[in-house]
Amino acid sequence: MVMSNSLFSNTVLDPSIASLVPANHVLRPLEATDFRKGFIDCLSNLTITGQVSEQMFVESFEEMQRAGGYFVIVVEDLQTEAIVASGTLVVEQKFLRACGRVGHVEDIVVAKGQQGKRFGVTIVKQLVQIANVMGCYKTILDCDAENVAFYEKCGMQKKAVQMALYAPEAAHK
């Protein structure tokens, strides 16, 4: 059962950043009802989403809400009531750095036809600000080589090499 319609309290959002989106748009936390506003369709502009039912969406939303440390923000077009951009910050608690925290930026996506409105830059800026509010000593992300210039515009710097090992298909839900 959803504890609140929003994934997290909007009090961690910086109003001066949230106000950078164009008129008739709002930057806000992900809501339990955003499945019906095309959130998964928006994510499909980034990568494979698979078949996600509304029940699966709500169960994942509730799991993230219970766990805490998940900050998914969206940009909603208020005229069409559609999610047109999104990004995620996951806050990892560490033992390193005096039990510090690291912010992981993930899943920055802007729907086709919505690029050029600075949604991506605004979302990254807001997620970094949330990481700062949450006390993260650094904020990191992994990206493809063709996206490096975009993230450099957002203030990020190339730092290390990403490695990956994907689980066999049988391990996926």
C-alpha atoms as a PDB file:
ATOM      1  CA  MET A   1       0.000   0.000   0.000  1.00  0.00           C
ATOM      2  CA  VAL A   2       1.408   3.366  -1.045  1.00  0.00           C
ATOM      3  CA  MET A   3       2.305   5.487   2.011  1.00  0.00           C
ATOM      4  CA  SER A   4       2.114   8.754   0.061  1.00  0.00           C
ATOM      5  CA  ASN A   5       1.362   9.575  -3.555  1.00  0.00           C
ATOM      6  CA  SER A   6       4.882  11.079  -3.920  1.00  0.00           C
ATOM      7  CA  LEU A   7       8.017   8.942  -3.779  1.00  0.00           C
ATOM      8  CA  PHE A   8       9.625  11.497  -1.455  1.00  0.00           C
ATOM      9  CA  SER A   9       8.845  14.877   0.070  1.00  0.00           C
ATOM     10  CA  ASN A  10       9.098  17.763  -2.370  1.00  0.00           C
ATOM     11  CA  THR A  11      10.679  19.840   0.417  1.00  0.00           C
ATOM     12  CA  VAL A  12      14.112  18.600  -0.739  1.00  0.00           C
ATOM     13  CA  LEU A  13      13.574  20.217  -4.145  1.00  0.00           C
ATOM     14  CA  ASP A  14      15.203  23.588  -4.722  1.00  0.00           C
ATOM     15  CA  PRO A  15      12.420  25.919  -5.947  1.00  0.00           C
ATOM     16  CA  SER A  16      14.938  28.051  -7.857  1.00  0.00           C
ATOM     17  CA  ILE A  17      15.930  24.982  -9.909  1.00  0.00           C
ATOM     18  CA  ALA A  18      12.403  23.570 -10.227  1.00  0.00           C
ATOM     19  CA  SER A  19      11.271  26.934 -11.637  1.00  0.00           C
ATOM     20  CA  LEU A  20      13.667  26.590 -14.603  1.00  0.00           C
ATOM     21  CA  VAL A  21      11.219  24.384 -16.515  1.00  0.00           C
ATOM     22  CA  PRO A  22       9.050  26.167 -19.109  1.00  0.00           C
ATOM     23  CA  ALA A  23       5.507  27.368 -18.436  1.00  0.00           C
ATOM     24  CA  ASN A  24       2.886  24.611 -18.384  1.00  0.00           C
ATOM     25  CA  HIS A  25       5.461  22.153 -17.007  1.00  0.00           C
ATOM     26  CA  VAL A  26       6.307  21.137 -13.453  1.00  0.00           C
ATOM     27  CA  LEU A  27       9.369  19.419 -11.998  1.00  0.00           C
ATOM     28  CA  ARG A  28       8.326  17.200  -9.078  1.00  0.00           C
ATOM     29  CA  PRO A  29       8.864  13.856  -7.336  1.00  0.00           C
ATOM     30  CA  LEU A  30       7.586  10.717  -9.062  1.00  0.00           C
ATOM     31  CA  GLU A  31       4.014   9.914  -8.026  1.00  0.00           C
ATOM     32  CA  ALA A  32       2.258   6.566  -7.740  1.00  0.00           C
ATOM     33  CA  THR A  33      -0.157   7.657 -10.490  1.00  0.00           C
ATOM     34  CA  ASP A  34       2.585   8.493 -13.009  1.00  0.00           C
ATOM     35  CA  PHE A  35       2.289   5.097 -14.675  1.00  0.00           C
ATOM     36  CA  ARG A  36      -0.920   6.417 -16.238  1.00  0.00           C
ATOM     37  CA  LYS A  37       0.913   9.583 -17.322  1.00  0.00           C
ATOM     38  CA  GLY A  38       3.372   7.637 -19.468  1.00  0.00           C
ATOM     39  CA  PHE A  39       6.342   7.374 -17.128  1.00  0.00           C
ATOM     40  CA  ILE A  40       7.399   3.981 -18.528  1.00  0.00           C
ATOM     41  CA  ASP A  41       6.918   5.252 -22.094  1.00  0.00           C
ATOM     42  CA  CYS A  42       9.216   8.161 -21.266  1.00  0.00           C
ATOM     43  CA  LEU A  43      11.854   5.765 -19.864  1.00  0.00           C
ATOM     44  CA  SER A  44      11.672   3.699 -23.050  1.00  0.00           C
ATOM     45  CA  ASN A  45      13.386   6.629 -24.810  1.00  0.00           C
ATOM     46  CA  LEU A  46      16.497   5.670 -22.817  1.00  0.00           C
ATOM     47  CA  THR A  47      16.661   1.881 -22.951  1.00  0.00           C
ATOM     48  CA  ILE A  48      14.631  -1.324 -22.887  1.00  0.00           C
ATOM     49  CA  THR A  49      11.943  -1.195 -20.200  1.00  0.00           C
ATOM     50  CA  GLY A  50      10.333  -4.564 -20.842  1.00  0.00           C
ATOM     51  CA  GLN A  51       6.658  -5.188 -20.198  1.00  0.00           C
ATOM     52  CA  VAL A  52       5.837  -3.237 -17.018  1.00  0.00           C
ATOM     53  CA  SER A  53       2.262  -3.514 -15.746  1.00  0.00           C
ATOM     54  CA  GLU A  54       0.694  -0.922 -13.491  1.00  0.00           C
ATOM     55  CA  GLN A  55       0.832  -3.436 -10.628  1.00  0.00           C
ATOM     56  CA  MET A  56       4.578  -3.965 -11.178  1.00  0.00           C
ATOM     57  CA  PHE A  57       5.090  -0.196 -11.251  1.00  0.00           C
ATOM     58  CA  VAL A  58       3.202   0.314  -7.983  1.00  0.00           C
ATOM     59  CA  GLU A  59       5.055  -2.559  -6.270  1.00  0.00           C
ATOM     60  CA  SER A  60       8.436  -1.091  -7.290  1.00  0.00           C
ATOM     61  CA  PHE A  61       7.294   2.392  -6.252  1.00  0.00           C
ATOM     62  CA  GLU A  62       6.281   1.074  -2.807  1.00  0.00           C
ATOM     63  CA  GLU A  63       9.562  -0.817  -2.412  1.00  0.00           C
ATOM     64  CA  MET A  64      11.556   2.335  -3.211  1.00  0.00           C
ATOM     65  CA  GLN A  65       9.390   4.380  -0.867  1.00  0.00           C
ATOM     66  CA  ARG A  66       9.893   1.914   2.016  1.00  0.00           C
ATOM     67  CA  ALA A  67      13.648   1.659   1.466  1.00  0.00           C
ATOM     68  CA  GLY A  68      14.225   5.402   1.234  1.00  0.00           C
ATOM     69  CA  GLY A  69      17.194   6.900  -0.563  1.00  0.00           C
ATOM     70  CA  TYR A  70      15.450   6.866  -3.957  1.00  0.00           C
ATOM     71  CA  PHE A  71      14.769  10.245  -5.542  1.00  0.00           C
ATOM     72  CA  VAL A  72      13.057   9.945  -8.908  1.00  0.00           C
ATOM     73  CA  ILE A  73      12.044  13.303 -10.326  1.00  0.00           C
ATOM     74  CA  VAL A  74       9.916  13.934 -13.375  1.00  0.00           C
ATOM     75  CA  VAL A  75       8.882  16.808 -15.583  1.00  0.00           C
ATOM     76  CA  GLU A  76       5.173  16.743 -16.338  1.00  0.00           C
ATOM     77  CA  ASP A  77       3.601  18.620 -19.235  1.00  0.00           C
ATOM     78  CA  LEU A  78       0.517  20.043 -17.508  1.00  0.00           C
ATOM     79  CA  GLN A  79      -1.393  20.498 -20.780  1.00  0.00           C
ATOM     80  CA  THR A  80      -1.064  16.874 -21.898  1.00  0.00           C
ATOM     81  CA  GLU A  81      -0.630  15.413 -18.376  1.00  0.00           C
ATOM     82  CA  ALA A  82       2.312  13.407 -19.731  1.00  0.00           C
ATOM     83  CA  ILE A  83       5.703  12.727 -18.182  1.00  0.00           C
ATOM     84  CA  VAL A  84       8.228  14.178 -20.641  1.00  0.00           C
ATOM     85  CA  ALA A  85      11.511  13.828 -18.709  1.00  0.00           C
ATOM     86  CA  SER A  86      12.904  12.028 -15.693  1.00  0.00           C
ATOM     87  CA  GLY A  87      16.016  11.304 -13.671  1.00  0.00           C
ATOM     88  CA  THR A  88      16.937   9.305 -10.590  1.00  0.00           C
ATOM     89  CA  LEU A  89      19.275   9.786  -7.652  1.00  0.00           C
ATOM     90  CA  VAL A  90      20.061   6.774  -5.472  1.00  0.00           C
ATOM     91  CA  VAL A  91      21.805   7.598  -2.191  1.00  0.00           C
ATOM     92  CA  GLU A  92      24.242   4.892  -1.076  1.00  0.00           C
ATOM     93  CA  GLN A  93      25.305   4.694   2.559  1.00  0.00           C
ATOM     94  CA  LYS A  94      29.022   3.873   2.856  1.00  0.00           C
ATOM     95  CA  PHE A  95      31.464   2.820   5.571  1.00  0.00           C
ATOM     96  CA  LEU A  96      34.169   4.815   3.812  1.00  0.00           C
ATOM     97  CA  ARG A  97      34.723   8.503   4.483  1.00  0.00           C
ATOM     98  CA  ALA A  98      33.444   8.320   8.065  1.00  0.00           C
ATOM     99  CA  CYS A  99      30.282   6.472   6.983  1.00  0.00           C
ATOM    100  CA  GLY A 100      29.586   8.997   4.256  1.00  0.00           C
ATOM    101  CA  ARG A 101      27.077   8.850   1.428  1.00  0.00           C
ATOM    102  CA  VAL A 102      27.449   8.769  -2.343  1.00  0.00           C
ATOM    103  CA  GLY A 103      24.798   9.953  -4.782  1.00  0.00           C
ATOM    104  CA  HIS A 104      24.347   7.902  -7.952  1.00  0.00           C
ATOM    105  CA  VAL A 105      22.608   9.713 -10.817  1.00  0.00           C
ATOM    106  CA  GLU A 106      20.757   7.299 -13.069  1.00  0.00           C
ATOM    107  CA  ASP A 107      18.257   7.138 -15.922  1.00  0.00           C
ATOM    108  CA  ILE A 108      18.346  10.716 -17.218  1.00  0.00           C
ATOM    109  CA  VAL A 109      15.835  10.747 -20.049  1.00  0.00           C
ATOM    110  CA  VAL A 110      13.954  13.317 -22.113  1.00  0.00           C
ATOM    111  CA  ALA A 111      11.135  12.130 -24.358  1.00  0.00           C
ATOM    112  CA  LYS A 112      11.505  12.460 -28.108  1.00  0.00           C
ATOM    113  CA  GLY A 113      10.203  15.815 -29.292  1.00  0.00           C
ATOM    114  CA  GLN A 114      10.983  17.393 -25.911  1.00  0.00           C
ATOM    115  CA  GLN A 115      14.750  17.869 -26.330  1.00  0.00           C
ATOM    116  CA  GLY A 116      16.146  21.381 -26.427  1.00  0.00           C
ATOM    117  CA  LYS A 117      14.041  22.631 -23.513  1.00  0.00           C
ATOM    118  CA  ARG A 118      16.892  22.122 -20.996  1.00  0.00           C
ATOM    119  CA  PHE A 119      14.935  19.428 -19.112  1.00  0.00           C
ATOM    120  CA  GLY A 120      17.997  17.167 -18.874  1.00  0.00           C
ATOM    121  CA  VAL A 121      20.291  19.876 -17.497  1.00  0.00           C
ATOM    122  CA  THR A 122      17.627  20.995 -15.032  1.00  0.00           C
ATOM    123  CA  ILE A 123      17.024  17.443 -13.810  1.00  0.00           C
ATOM    124  CA  VAL A 124      20.744  16.778 -13.292  1.00  0.00           C
ATOM    125  CA  LYS A 125      21.119  20.097 -11.466  1.00  0.00           C
ATOM    126  CA  GLN A 126      18.185  19.225  -9.183  1.00  0.00           C
ATOM    127  CA  LEU A 127      19.478  15.711  -8.469  1.00  0.00           C
ATOM    128  CA  VAL A 128      22.937  17.051  -7.567  1.00  0.00           C
ATOM    129  CA  GLN A 129      21.275  19.570  -5.244  1.00  0.00           C
ATOM    130  CA  ILE A 130      19.300  16.748  -3.566  1.00  0.00           C
ATOM    131  CA  ALA A 131      22.541  14.766  -3.164  1.00  0.00           C
ATOM    132  CA  ASN A 132      24.069  17.789  -1.434  1.00  0.00           C
ATOM    133  CA  VAL A 133      21.034  18.110   0.876  1.00  0.00           C
ATOM    134  CA  MET A 134      21.323  14.395   1.695  1.00  0.00           C
ATOM    135  CA  GLY A 135      24.962  14.896   2.704  1.00  0.00           C
ATOM    136  CA  CYS A 136      26.611  13.027  -0.163  1.00  0.00           C
ATOM    137  CA  TYR A 137      30.365  13.638  -0.342  1.00  0.00           C
ATOM    138  CA  LYS A 138      30.256  13.031  -4.101  1.00  0.00           C
ATOM    139  CA  THR A 139      27.754  12.493  -6.869  1.00  0.00           C
ATOM    140  CA  ILE A 140      28.642  10.114  -9.688  1.00  0.00           C
ATOM    141  CA  LEU A 141      27.109   8.690 -12.848  1.00  0.00           C
ATOM    142  CA  ASP A 142      27.950   6.317 -15.659  1.00  0.00           C
ATOM    143  CA  CYS A 143      27.227   7.286 -19.251  1.00  0.00           C
ATOM    144  CA  ASP A 144      28.005   6.374 -22.832  1.00  0.00           C
ATOM    145  CA  ALA A 145      30.902   8.187 -24.489  1.00  0.00           C
ATOM    146  CA  GLU A 146      28.542  10.196 -26.712  1.00  0.00           C
ATOM    147  CA  ASN A 147      26.901  11.723 -23.599  1.00  0.00           C
ATOM    148  CA  VAL A 148      30.110  12.928 -21.915  1.00  0.00           C
ATOM    149  CA  ALA A 149      29.856  16.469 -23.351  1.00  0.00           C
ATOM    150  CA  PHE A 150      26.294  16.834 -22.012  1.00  0.00           C
ATOM    151  CA  TYR A 151      27.301  15.809 -18.485  1.00  0.00           C
ATOM    152  CA  GLU A 152      30.359  18.062 -18.613  1.00  0.00           C
ATOM    153  CA  LYS A 153      27.932  20.951 -19.299  1.00  0.00           C
ATOM    154  CA  CYS A 154      26.199  19.867 -16.085  1.00  0.00           C
ATOM    155  CA  GLY A 155      29.455  20.298 -14.137  1.00  0.00           C
ATOM    156  CA  MET A 156      30.531  16.640 -14.069  1.00  0.00           C
ATOM    157  CA  GLN A 157      34.109  15.552 -14.819  1.00  0.00           C
ATOM    158  CA  LYS A 158      35.458  12.355 -16.347  1.00  0.00           C
ATOM    159  CA  LYS A 159      36.940  10.422 -13.443  1.00  0.00           C
ATOM    160  CA  ALA A 160      37.138   6.647 -13.830  1.00  0.00           C
ATOM    161  CA  VAL A 161      36.230   3.674 -15.982  1.00  0.00           C
ATOM    162  CA  GLN A 162      32.892   1.895 -15.774  1.00  0.00           C
ATOM    163  CA  MET A 163      32.789  -1.895 -15.803  1.00  0.00           C
ATOM    164  CA  ALA A 164      29.725  -4.116 -16.151  1.00  0.00           C
ATOM    165  CA  LEU A 165      28.783  -7.761 -15.921  1.00  0.00           C
ATOM    166  CA  TYR A 166      25.218  -8.517 -16.902  1.00  0.00           C
ATOM    167  CA  ALA A 167      23.304 -11.353 -15.226  1.00  0.00           C
ATOM    168  CA  PRO A 168      22.054 -14.232 -17.363  1.00  0.00           C
ATOM    169  CA  GLU A 169      18.506 -13.795 -18.653  1.00  0.00           C
ATOM    170  CA  ALA A 170      17.230 -16.316 -16.085  1.00  0.00           C
ATOM    171  CA  ALA A 171      18.277 -13.971 -13.267  1.00  0.00           C
ATOM    172  CA  HIS A 172      15.999 -11.163 -14.506  1.00  0.00           C
ATOM    173  CA  LYS A 173      12.511 -10.746 -13.084  1.00  0.00           C
END
